[in-house]
Amino acid sequence: MTETPQSLAERLRGEGGRVVDFFNHLSRGQWGIHDYPQETEWSFHQLLAHFVSSEIARKELIINIYQGGKGAPPDFEIDAFNQSEVEKLSAETDDGLLQRFSRERAILIELVSGMSGEDLEIIGNDPFLGAVALSEMIKLTYRHLQIYMRDARQYL
């Protein structure tokens, strides 16, 4: 099945809603639990900081390619970027991160909704997938979070 901008926007909306719902239902004590093993284990607060960082970076990547750019540089170090961004964003409050995630996701949904089917076929460099169409980058945006959320739910 060929994806449409509207179907991708709806997937982004649905998955974004599930992320917000998950974090809204954590108890205050659960926010500090270390759940996801990285180079160091992330707490749920840090996991949400990663989600915010990812939303911002993926949105900027998609905009860059949509506007004629090439995407991520070939030597982009995704793991170092993720760790640095999580450290910076972890200074924000739980509620602040949730609001920022929602805001960033809404911007991305609006952007994708305004695209055409042809726009989805524009090729650019994704730091994880390599040279792929925008449609694949958009799918990775919500699938990436789905994987983390599945693991987080299993942990709880």
Foldseek 3Di string as FASTA:
>chain_A
DQDWLLNLLVLLVVLLVVVLVVLVPDDPVQQQDFFDDDVHTDGVLLVLLLLLVLLVLLLVQLVCQLVPHQGDDQPDDVSVSSVVSSVVSSVDDSVVSSVSSVVSSVVSSVVSNPDGSVQQQRWHQDNVPGTGGNVVSSVCSSVVVVVVVVRVVVRD
